[in-house]
PDB file of N, CA and C in Angstrom:
ATOM      1  N   UNK A   1     227.448  -7.136 -94.840  1.00  0.00           N
ATOM      2  CA  UNK A   1     226.889  -5.804 -94.865  1.00  0.00           C
ATOM      3  C   UNK A   1     225.928  -5.654 -93.691  1.00  0.00           C
ATOM      4  N   UNK A   2     225.963  -4.532 -93.042  1.00  0.00           N
ATOM      5  CA  UNK A   2     225.185  -4.296 -91.836  1.00  0.00           C
ATOM      6  C   UNK A   2     223.683  -4.429 -92.070  1.00  0.00           C
ATOM      7  N   UNK A   3     223.171  -3.899 -93.188  1.00  0.00           N
ATOM      8  CA  UNK A   3     221.737  -3.923 -93.459  1.00  0.00           C
ATOM      9  C   UNK A   3     221.360  -5.012 -94.458  1.00  0.00           C
ATOM     10  N   UNK A   4     222.217  -5.962 -94.676  1.00  0.00           N
ATOM     11  CA  UNK A   4     221.973  -7.017 -95.652  1.00  0.00           C
ATOM     12  C   UNK A   4     220.599  -7.651 -95.454  1.00  0.00           C
ATOM     13  N   UNK A   5     219.819  -7.637 -96.527  1.00  0.00           N
ATOM     14  CA  UNK A   5     218.505  -8.255 -96.487  1.00  0.00           C
ATOM     15  C   UNK A   5     217.403  -7.376 -95.935  1.00  0.00           C
ATOM     16  N   UNK A   6     217.717  -6.173 -95.464  1.00  0.00           N
ATOM     17  CA  UNK A   6     216.682  -5.304 -94.908  1.00  0.00           C
ATOM     18  C   UNK A   6     216.084  -4.374 -95.954  1.00  0.00           C
ATOM     19  N   UNK A   7     216.930  -3.592 -96.589  1.00  0.00           N
ATOM     20  CA  UNK A   7     216.459  -2.637 -97.582  1.00  0.00           C
ATOM     21  C   UNK A   7     217.650  -2.219 -98.424  1.00  0.00           C
ATOM     22  N   UNK A   8     217.510  -2.303 -99.747  1.00  0.00           N
ATOM     23  CA  UNK A   8     218.620  -1.988-100.644  1.00  0.00           C
ATOM     24  C   UNK A   8     219.055  -0.534-100.556  1.00  0.00           C
ATOM     25  N   UNK A   9     218.184   0.342-100.093  1.00  0.00           N
ATOM     26  CA  UNK A   9     218.515   1.768 -99.996  1.00  0.00           C
ATOM     27  C   UNK A   9     219.274   2.113 -98.731  1.00  0.00           C
ATOM     28  N   UNK A  10     219.278   1.230 -97.760  1.00  0.00           N
ATOM     29  CA  UNK A  10     219.858   1.528 -96.453  1.00  0.00           C
ATOM     30  C   UNK A  10     221.378   1.481 -96.479  1.00  0.00           C
ATOM     31  N   UNK A  11     221.987   2.412 -95.783  1.00  0.00           N
ATOM     32  CA  UNK A  11     223.438   2.416 -95.600  1.00  0.00           C
ATOM     33  C   UNK A  11     223.732   2.713 -94.135  1.00  0.00           C
ATOM     34  N   UNK A  12     224.824   2.181 -93.665  1.00  0.00           N
ATOM     35  CA  UNK A  12     225.287   2.480 -92.314  1.00  0.00           C
ATOM     36  C   UNK A  12     226.438   3.469 -92.441  1.00  0.00           C
ATOM     37  N   UNK A  13     226.465   4.435 -91.562  1.00  0.00           N
ATOM     38  CA  UNK A  13     227.504   5.454 -91.594  1.00  0.00           C
ATOM     39  C   UNK A  13     228.299   5.370 -90.305  1.00  0.00           C
ATOM     40  N   UNK A  14     229.614   5.228 -90.426  1.00  0.00           N
ATOM     41  CA  UNK A  14     230.478   5.232 -89.252  1.00  0.00           C
ATOM     42  C   UNK A  14     230.702   6.682 -88.820  1.00  0.00           C
ATOM     43  N   UNK A  15     230.613   6.921 -87.531  1.00  0.00           N
ATOM     44  CA  UNK A  15     230.783   8.267 -86.991  1.00  0.00           C
ATOM     45  C   UNK A  15     231.628   8.202 -85.720  1.00  0.00           C
ATOM     46  N   UNK A  16     232.893   7.763 -85.847  1.00  0.00           N
ATOM     47  CA  UNK A  16     233.714   7.573 -84.648  1.00  0.00           C
ATOM     48  C   UNK A  16     233.966   8.854 -83.855  1.00  0.00           C
ATOM     49  N   UNK A  17     233.902  10.008 -84.491  1.00  0.00           N
ATOM     50  CA  UNK A  17     234.109  11.267 -83.774  1.00  0.00           C
ATOM     51  C   UNK A  17     232.831  11.823 -83.165  1.00  0.00           C
ATOM     52  N   UNK A  18     231.694  11.213 -83.468  1.00  0.00           N
ATOM     53  CA  UNK A  18     230.428  11.604 -82.867  1.00  0.00           C
ATOM     54  C   UNK A  18     229.805  12.875 -83.419  1.00  0.00           C
ATOM     55  N   UNK A  19     230.237  13.323 -84.583  1.00  0.00           N
ATOM     56  CA  UNK A  19     229.670  14.549 -85.158  1.00  0.00           C
ATOM     57  C   UNK A  19     228.177  14.398 -85.457  1.00  0.00           C
ATOM     58  N   UNK A  20     227.809  13.278 -86.056  1.00  0.00           N
ATOM     59  CA  UNK A  20     226.388  13.061 -86.356  1.00  0.00           C
ATOM     60  C   UNK A  20     225.583  12.821 -85.084  1.00  0.00           C
ATOM     61  N   UNK A  21     226.191  12.146 -84.108  1.00  0.00           N
ATOM     62  CA  UNK A  21     225.498  11.941 -82.833  1.00  0.00           C
ATOM     63  C   UNK A  21     225.091  13.283 -82.240  1.00  0.00           C
ATOM     64  N   UNK A  22     226.026  14.229 -82.255  1.00  0.00           N
ATOM     65  CA  UNK A  22     225.718  15.556 -81.719  1.00  0.00           C
ATOM     66  C   UNK A  22     224.702  16.289 -82.596  1.00  0.00           C
ATOM     67  N   UNK A  23     224.882  16.228 -83.906  1.00  0.00           N
ATOM     68  CA  UNK A  23     223.984  16.938 -84.825  1.00  0.00           C
ATOM     69  C   UNK A  23     222.543  16.456 -84.691  1.00  0.00           C
ATOM     70  N   UNK A  24     222.352  15.157 -84.470  1.00  0.00           N
ATOM     71  CA  UNK A  24     221.005  14.592 -84.351  1.00  0.00           C
ATOM     72  C   UNK A  24     220.563  14.432 -82.895  1.00  0.00           C
ATOM     73  N   UNK A  25     221.361  14.974 -81.974  1.00  0.00           N
ATOM     74  CA  UNK A  25     221.039  14.919 -80.536  1.00  0.00           C
ATOM     75  C   UNK A  25     220.755  13.495 -80.067  1.00  0.00           C
ATOM     76  N   UNK A  26     221.617  12.569 -80.475  1.00  0.00           N
ATOM     77  CA  UNK A  26     221.459  11.173 -80.058  1.00  0.00           C
ATOM     78  C   UNK A  26     221.887  11.061 -78.598  1.00  0.00           C
ATOM     79  N   UNK A  27     221.000  10.527 -77.788  1.00  0.00           N
ATOM     80  CA  UNK A  27     221.213  10.490 -76.349  1.00  0.00           C
ATOM     81  C   UNK A  27     222.212   9.420 -75.938  1.00  0.00           C
ATOM     82  N   UNK A  28     222.828   9.687 -74.811  1.00  0.00           N
ATOM     83  CA  UNK A  28     223.729   8.726 -74.179  1.00  0.00           C
ATOM     84  C   UNK A  28     222.980   8.112 -73.001  1.00  0.00           C
ATOM     85  N   UNK A  29     223.190   6.835 -72.799  1.00  0.00           N
ATOM     86  CA  UNK A  29     222.554   6.158 -71.685  1.00  0.00           C
ATOM     87  C   UNK A  29     223.423   6.213 -70.439  1.00  0.00           C
ATOM     88  N   UNK A  30     222.792   5.952 -69.312  1.00  0.00           N
ATOM     89  CA  UNK A  30     223.504   5.819 -68.047  1.00  0.00           C
ATOM     90  C   UNK A  30     223.586   4.343 -67.677  1.00  0.00           C
ATOM     91  N   UNK A  31     223.906   4.086 -66.435  1.00  0.00           N
ATOM     92  CA  UNK A  31     224.043   2.691 -65.994  1.00  0.00           C
ATOM     93  C   UNK A  31     222.752   1.906 -66.180  1.00  0.00           C
ATOM     94  N   UNK A  32     221.610   2.511 -65.853  1.00  0.00           N
ATOM     95  CA  UNK A  32     220.331   1.805 -65.962  1.00  0.00           C
ATOM     96  C   UNK A  32     220.032   1.435 -67.421  1.00  0.00           C
ATOM     97  N   UNK A  33     220.261   2.380 -68.341  1.00  0.00           N
ATOM     98  CA  UNK A  33     219.969   2.132 -69.758  1.00  0.00           C
ATOM     99  C   UNK A  33     220.922   1.110 -70.373  1.00  0.00           C
ATOM    100  N   UNK A  34     222.141   1.074 -69.896  1.00  0.00           N
ATOM    101  CA  UNK A  34     223.132   0.167 -70.480  1.00  0.00           C
ATOM    102  C   UNK A  34     223.188  -1.199 -69.802  1.00  0.00           C
ATOM    103  N   UNK A  35     222.940  -1.219 -68.491  1.00  0.00           N
ATOM    104  CA  UNK A  35     223.120  -2.473 -67.749  1.00  0.00           C
ATOM    105  C   UNK A  35     221.902  -2.886 -66.934  1.00  0.00           C
ATOM    106  N   UNK A  36     220.774  -2.240 -67.167  1.00  0.00           N
ATOM    107  CA  UNK A  36     219.555  -2.562 -66.433  1.00  0.00           C
ATOM    108  C   UNK A  36     218.947  -3.885 -66.875  1.00  0.00           C
ATOM    109  N   UNK A  37     217.884  -4.251 -66.210  1.00  0.00           N
ATOM    110  CA  UNK A  37     217.212  -5.532 -66.462  1.00  0.00           C
ATOM    111  C   UNK A  37     216.782  -5.655 -67.929  1.00  0.00           C
ATOM    112  N   UNK A  38     216.202  -4.597 -68.492  1.00  0.00           N
ATOM    113  CA  UNK A  38     215.726  -4.676 -69.881  1.00  0.00           C
ATOM    114  C   UNK A  38     216.885  -4.936 -70.845  1.00  0.00           C
ATOM    115  N   UNK A  39     218.029  -4.327 -70.588  1.00  0.00           N
ATOM    116  CA  UNK A  39     219.190  -4.546 -71.447  1.00  0.00           C
ATOM    117  C   UNK A  39     219.705  -5.978 -71.316  1.00  0.00           C
ATOM    118  N   UNK A  40     219.763  -6.488 -70.085  1.00  0.00           N
ATOM    119  CA  UNK A  40     220.209  -7.865 -69.875  1.00  0.00           C
ATOM    120  C   UNK A  40     219.268  -8.859 -70.558  1.00  0.00           C
ATOM    121  N   UNK A  41     217.967  -8.651 -70.423  1.00  0.00           N
ATOM    122  CA  UNK A  41     217.011  -9.557 -71.064  1.00  0.00           C
ATOM    123  C   UNK A  41     217.156  -9.525 -72.583  1.00  0.00           C
ATOM    124  N   UNK A  42     217.325  -8.341 -73.139  1.00  0.00           N
ATOM    125  CA  UNK A  42     217.530  -8.226 -74.589  1.00  0.00           C
ATOM    126  C   UNK A  42     218.831  -8.916 -74.995  1.00  0.00           C
ATOM    127  N   UNK A  43     219.860  -8.781 -74.171  1.00  0.00           N
ATOM    128  CA  UNK A  43     221.139  -9.447 -74.449  1.00  0.00           C
ATOM    129  C   UNK A  43     221.012 -10.959 -74.435  1.00  0.00           C
ATOM    130  N   UNK A  44     220.242 -11.490 -73.506  1.00  0.00           N
ATOM    131  CA  UNK A  44     220.020 -12.939 -73.449  1.00  0.00           C
ATOM    132  C   UNK A  44     219.254 -13.430 -74.673  1.00  0.00           C
ATOM    133  N   UNK A  45     218.230 -12.660 -75.093  1.00  0.00           N
ATOM    134  CA  UNK A  45     217.480 -13.028 -76.309  1.00  0.00           C
ATOM    135  C   UNK A  45     218.409 -13.025 -77.527  1.00  0.00           C
ATOM    136  N   UNK A  46     219.257 -12.031 -77.612  1.00  0.00           N
ATOM    137  CA  UNK A  46     220.188 -11.937 -78.738  1.00  0.00           C
ATOM    138  C   UNK A  46     221.186 -13.089 -78.713  1.00  0.00           C
ATOM    139  N   UNK A  47     221.703 -13.422 -77.542  1.00  0.00           N
ATOM    140  CA  UNK A  47     222.669 -14.520 -77.424  1.00  0.00           C
ATOM    141  C   UNK A  47     222.048 -15.846 -77.842  1.00  0.00           C
ATOM    142  N   UNK A  48     220.766 -16.059 -77.493  1.00  0.00           N
ATOM    143  CA  UNK A  48     220.088 -17.287 -77.907  1.00  0.00           C
ATOM    144  C   UNK A  48     219.994 -17.384 -79.421  1.00  0.00           C
ATOM    145  N   UNK A  49     219.970 -16.230 -80.098  1.00  0.00           N
ATOM    146  CA  UNK A  49     219.921 -16.207 -81.566  1.00  0.00           C
ATOM    147  C   UNK A  49     221.318 -16.232 -82.185  1.00  0.00           C
ATOM    148  N   UNK A  50     222.346 -16.295 -81.343  1.00  0.00           N
ATOM    149  CA  UNK A  50     223.714 -16.349 -81.855  1.00  0.00           C
ATOM    150  C   UNK A  50     224.374 -14.989 -82.024  1.00  0.00           C
ATOM    151  N   UNK A  51     223.737 -13.922 -81.562  1.00  0.00           N
ATOM    152  CA  UNK A  51     224.307 -12.583 -81.660  1.00  0.00           C
ATOM    153  C   UNK A  51     225.056 -12.271 -80.366  1.00  0.00           C
ATOM    154  N   UNK A  52     226.340 -12.060 -80.485  1.00  0.00           N
ATOM    155  CA  UNK A  52     227.151 -11.798 -79.304  1.00  0.00           C
ATOM    156  C   UNK A  52     227.688 -10.377 -79.335  1.00  0.00           C
ATOM    157  N   UNK A  53     228.104  -9.884 -78.186  1.00  0.00           N
ATOM    158  CA  UNK A  53     228.683  -8.548 -78.096  1.00  0.00           C
ATOM    159  C   UNK A  53     230.015  -8.555 -78.823  1.00  0.00           C
ATOM    160  N   UNK A  54     230.222  -7.528 -79.610  1.00  0.00           N
ATOM    161  CA  UNK A  54     231.453  -7.392 -80.373  1.00  0.00           C
ATOM    162  C   UNK A  54     232.154  -6.124 -79.926  1.00  0.00           C
ATOM    163  N   UNK A  55     233.283  -5.850 -80.517  1.00  0.00           N
ATOM    164  CA  UNK A  55     234.054  -4.650 -80.194  1.00  0.00           C
ATOM    165  C   UNK A  55     233.234  -3.418 -80.557  1.00  0.00           C
ATOM    166  N   UNK A  56     233.089  -2.533 -79.613  1.00  0.00           N
ATOM    167  CA  UNK A  56     232.330  -1.294 -79.821  1.00  0.00           C
ATOM    168  C   UNK A  56     233.251  -0.251 -80.443  1.00  0.00           C
ATOM    169  N   UNK A  57     232.756   0.402 -81.466  1.00  0.00           N
ATOM    170  CA  UNK A  57     233.492   1.482 -82.108  1.00  0.00           C
ATOM    171  C   UNK A  57     232.771   2.773 -81.764  1.00  0.00           C
ATOM    172  N   UNK A  58     233.486   3.777 -81.371  1.00  0.00           N
ATOM    173  CA  UNK A  58     232.862   5.044 -81.007  1.00  0.00           C
ATOM    174  C   UNK A  58     232.448   5.051 -79.544  1.00  0.00           C
ATOM    175  N   UNK A  59     231.474   5.856 -79.222  1.00  0.00           N
ATOM    176  CA  UNK A  59     231.011   6.041 -77.854  1.00  0.00           C
ATOM    177  C   UNK A  59     230.127   4.869 -77.433  1.00  0.00           C
ATOM    178  N   UNK A  60     230.576   4.058 -76.483  1.00  0.00           N
ATOM    179  CA  UNK A  60     229.792   2.884 -76.092  1.00  0.00           C
ATOM    180  C   UNK A  60     228.536   3.218 -75.304  1.00  0.00           C
ATOM    181  N   UNK A  61     228.331   4.465 -74.921  1.00  0.00           N
ATOM    182  CA  UNK A  61     227.187   4.868 -74.121  1.00  0.00           C
ATOM    183  C   UNK A  61     226.038   5.412 -74.957  1.00  0.00           C
ATOM    184  N   UNK A  62     226.191   5.479 -76.286  1.00  0.00           N
ATOM    185  CA  UNK A  62     225.090   5.996 -77.098  1.00  0.00           C
ATOM    186  C   UNK A  62     223.967   4.968 -77.172  1.00  0.00           C
ATOM    187  N   UNK A  63     222.757   5.465 -77.138  1.00  0.00           N
ATOM    188  CA  UNK A  63     221.586   4.597 -77.220  1.00  0.00           C
ATOM    189  C   UNK A  63     221.304   4.247 -78.683  1.00  0.00           C
ATOM    190  N   UNK A  64     220.714   3.067 -78.930  1.00  0.00           N
ATOM    191  CA  UNK A  64     220.415   2.669 -80.308  1.00  0.00           C
ATOM    192  C   UNK A  64     219.520   3.702 -80.996  1.00  0.00           C
ATOM    193  N   UNK A  65     219.919   4.098 -82.181  1.00  0.00           N
ATOM    194  CA  UNK A  65     219.173   5.110 -82.927  1.00  0.00           C
ATOM    195  C   UNK A  65     219.235   4.793 -84.407  1.00  0.00           C
ATOM    196  N   UNK A  66     218.103   4.914 -85.075  1.00  0.00           N
ATOM    197  CA  UNK A  66     218.044   4.783 -86.530  1.00  0.00           C
ATOM    198  C   UNK A  66     217.333   6.027 -87.037  1.00  0.00           C
ATOM    199  N   UNK A  67     217.972   6.693 -87.986  1.00  0.00           N
ATOM    200  CA  UNK A  67     217.376   7.880 -88.587  1.00  0.00           C
ATOM    201  C   UNK A  67     217.292   7.661 -90.082  1.00  0.00           C
ATOM    202  N   UNK A  68     216.078   7.752 -90.619  1.00  0.00           N
ATOM    203  CA  UNK A  68     215.863   7.569 -92.055  1.00  0.00           C
ATOM    204  C   UNK A  68     215.865   8.949 -92.711  1.00  0.00           C
ATOM    205  N   UNK A  69     216.792   9.125 -93.663  1.00  0.00           N
ATOM    206  CA  UNK A  69     216.933  10.399 -94.364  1.00  0.00           C
ATOM    207  C   UNK A  69     216.767  10.147 -95.851  1.00  0.00           C
ATOM    208  N   UNK A  70     215.945  10.951 -96.476  1.00  0.00           N
ATOM    209  CA  UNK A  70     215.764  10.844 -97.926  1.00  0.00           C
ATOM    210  C   UNK A  70     215.832  12.247 -98.518  1.00  0.00           C
ATOM    211  N   UNK A  71     216.717  12.413 -99.475  1.00  0.00           N
ATOM    212  CA  UNK A  71     216.920  13.715-100.113  1.00  0.00           C
ATOM    213  C   UNK A  71     217.177  14.816 -99.090  1.00  0.00           C
ATOM    214  N   UNK A  72     217.970  14.487 -98.061  1.00  0.00           N
ATOM    215  CA  UNK A  72     218.348  15.473 -97.063  1.00  0.00           C
ATOM    216  C   UNK A  72     217.296  15.794 -96.019  1.00  0.00           C
ATOM    217  N   UNK A  73     216.188  15.062 -96.022  1.00  0.00           N
ATOM    218  CA  UNK A  73     215.089  15.315 -95.082  1.00  0.00           C
ATOM    219  C   UNK A  73     214.894  14.073 -94.202  1.00  0.00           C
ATOM    220  N   UNK A  74     214.756  14.273 -92.897  1.00  0.00           N
ATOM    221  CA  UNK A  74     214.463  13.161 -91.995  1.00  0.00           C
ATOM    222  C   UNK A  74     213.031  12.718 -92.235  1.00  0.00           C
ATOM    223  N   UNK A  75     212.867  11.458 -92.640  1.00  0.00           N
ATOM    224  CA  UNK A  75     211.534  10.937 -92.946  1.00  0.00           C
ATOM    225  C   UNK A  75     211.064   9.896 -91.925  1.00  0.00           C
ATOM    226  N   UNK A  76     211.933   9.520 -91.009  1.00  0.00           N
ATOM    227  CA  UNK A  76     211.566   8.568 -89.967  1.00  0.00           C
ATOM    228  C   UNK A  76     212.708   8.407 -88.996  1.00  0.00           C
ATOM    229  N   UNK A  77     212.381   8.039 -87.780  1.00  0.00           N
ATOM    230  CA  UNK A  77     213.442   7.806 -86.808  1.00  0.00           C
ATOM    231  C   UNK A  77     212.973   6.888 -85.701  1.00  0.00           C
ATOM    232  N   UNK A  78     213.956   6.262 -85.073  1.00  0.00           N
ATOM    233  CA  UNK A  78     213.733   5.411 -83.908  1.00  0.00           C
ATOM    234  C   UNK A  78     214.812   5.780 -82.899  1.00  0.00           C
ATOM    235  N   UNK A  79     214.414   6.013 -81.679  1.00  0.00           N
ATOM    236  CA  UNK A  79     215.368   6.329 -80.611  1.00  0.00           C
ATOM    237  C   UNK A  79     215.161   5.327 -79.482  1.00  0.00           C
ATOM    238  N   UNK A  80     216.170   4.509 -79.259  1.00  0.00           N
ATOM    239  CA  UNK A  80     216.085   3.467 -78.242  1.00  0.00           C
ATOM    240  C   UNK A  80     216.058   4.017 -76.829  1.00  0.00           C
ATOM    241  N   UNK A  81     215.378   3.292 -75.954  1.00  0.00           N
ATOM    242  CA  UNK A  81     215.263   3.683 -74.549  1.00  0.00           C
ATOM    243  C   UNK A  81     216.312   3.021 -73.669  1.00  0.00           C
ATOM    244  N   UNK A  82     216.924   1.944 -74.161  1.00  0.00           N
ATOM    245  CA  UNK A  82     217.986   1.249 -73.427  1.00  0.00           C
ATOM    246  C   UNK A  82     218.855   0.511 -74.439  1.00  0.00           C
ATOM    247  N   UNK A  83     219.966  -0.028 -73.998  1.00  0.00           N
ATOM    248  CA  UNK A  83     220.949  -0.633 -74.901  1.00  0.00           C
ATOM    249  C   UNK A  83     220.377  -1.766 -75.750  1.00  0.00           C
ATOM    250  N   UNK A  84     219.403  -2.480 -75.240  1.00  0.00           N
ATOM    251  CA  UNK A  84     218.834  -3.603 -75.966  1.00  0.00           C
ATOM    252  C   UNK A  84     217.562  -3.273 -76.727  1.00  0.00           C
ATOM    253  N   UNK A  85     217.192  -2.009 -76.792  1.00  0.00           N
ATOM    254  CA  UNK A  85     215.958  -1.590 -77.453  1.00  0.00           C
ATOM    255  C   UNK A  85     216.262  -1.295 -78.919  1.00  0.00           C
ATOM    256  N   UNK A  86     215.820  -2.162 -79.785  1.00  0.00           N
ATOM    257  CA  UNK A  86     216.105  -2.018 -81.207  1.00  0.00           C
ATOM    258  C   UNK A  86     214.803  -1.890 -81.987  1.00  0.00           C
ATOM    259  N   UNK A  87     214.881  -1.197 -83.112  1.00  0.00           N
ATOM    260  CA  UNK A  87     213.653  -0.949 -83.877  1.00  0.00           C
ATOM    261  C   UNK A  87     213.175  -2.164 -84.640  1.00  0.00           C
ATOM    262  N   UNK A  88     211.911  -2.144 -84.949  1.00  0.00           N
ATOM    263  CA  UNK A  88     211.349  -3.083 -85.908  1.00  0.00           C
ATOM    264  C   UNK A  88     211.576  -2.407 -87.265  1.00  0.00           C
ATOM    265  N   UNK A  89     212.615  -2.834 -87.979  1.00  0.00           N
ATOM    266  CA  UNK A  89     212.999  -2.178 -89.225  1.00  0.00           C
ATOM    267  C   UNK A  89     211.866  -2.225 -90.246  1.00  0.00           C
ATOM    268  N   UNK A  90     211.141  -3.327 -90.305  1.00  0.00           N
ATOM    269  CA  UNK A  90     210.012  -3.428 -91.230  1.00  0.00           C
ATOM    270  C   UNK A  90     208.959  -2.370 -90.938  1.00  0.00           C
ATOM    271  N   UNK A  91     208.659  -2.170 -89.660  1.00  0.00           N
ATOM    272  CA  UNK A  91     207.684  -1.163 -89.273  1.00  0.00           C
ATOM    273  C   UNK A  91     208.196   0.238 -89.613  1.00  0.00           C
ATOM    274  N   UNK A  92     209.472   0.507 -89.331  1.00  0.00           N
ATOM    275  CA  UNK A  92     210.048   1.818 -89.654  1.00  0.00           C
ATOM    276  C   UNK A  92     209.990   2.080 -91.152  1.00  0.00           C
ATOM    277  N   UNK A  93     210.331   1.075 -91.963  1.00  0.00           N
ATOM    278  CA  UNK A  93     210.268   1.232 -93.404  1.00  0.00           C
ATOM    279  C   UNK A  93     208.836   1.481 -93.875  1.00  0.00           C
ATOM    280  N   UNK A  94     207.869   0.780 -93.263  1.00  0.00           N
ATOM    281  CA  UNK A  94     206.469   0.989 -93.635  1.00  0.00           C
ATOM    282  C   UNK A  94     206.032   2.408 -93.295  1.00  0.00           C
ATOM    283  N   UNK A  95     206.452   2.925 -92.137  1.00  0.00           N
ATOM    284  CA  UNK A  95     206.113   4.282 -91.747  1.00  0.00           C
ATOM    285  C   UNK A  95     206.732   5.292 -92.720  1.00  0.00           C
ATOM    286  N   UNK A  96     207.965   5.024 -93.142  1.00  0.00           N
ATOM    287  CA  UNK A  96     208.645   5.910 -94.083  1.00  0.00           C
ATOM    288  C   UNK A  96     207.903   5.906 -95.418  1.00  0.00           C
ATOM    289  N   UNK A  97     207.488   4.730 -95.868  1.00  0.00           N
ATOM    290  CA  UNK A  97     206.762   4.631 -97.153  1.00  0.00           C
ATOM    291  C   UNK A  97     205.436   5.363 -97.076  1.00  0.00           C
ATOM    292  N   UNK A  98     204.753   5.291 -95.951  1.00  0.00           N
ATOM    293  CA  UNK A  98     203.461   5.952 -95.791  1.00  0.00           C
ATOM    294  C   UNK A  98     203.632   7.468 -95.848  1.00  0.00           C
ATOM    295  N   UNK A  99     204.722   7.963 -95.254  1.00  0.00           N
ATOM    296  CA  UNK A  99     204.925   9.414 -95.216  1.00  0.00           C
ATOM    297  C   UNK A  99     205.446   9.963 -96.540  1.00  0.00           C
ATOM    298  N   UNK A 100     205.885   9.092 -97.435  1.00  0.00           N
ATOM    299  CA  UNK A 100     206.460   9.554 -98.710  1.00  0.00           C
ATOM    300  C   UNK A 100     205.385   9.988 -99.691  1.00  0.00           C
TER     301      UNK A 100
END
């Protein structure tokens, strides 16, 4: 499971047609965001932890994004600045709990 061990309420939604990407205005990266130094460094850190690049489904140029929705309302979000920029899920969950 994609969110295994993070939060029992979390679900991942596949959006191969990009409808949600457009609805939430999720940005697409360019060459710098996808292949720049920060992305390479993040990729090396991930590889050292055993995380390798896998087959990309959907638009490979979308930037990492997490949107927390509860009862149809956006209660938190993270929008990555480059391909290797990922959220601190614990911090995002804490922010969501504080706003609830």
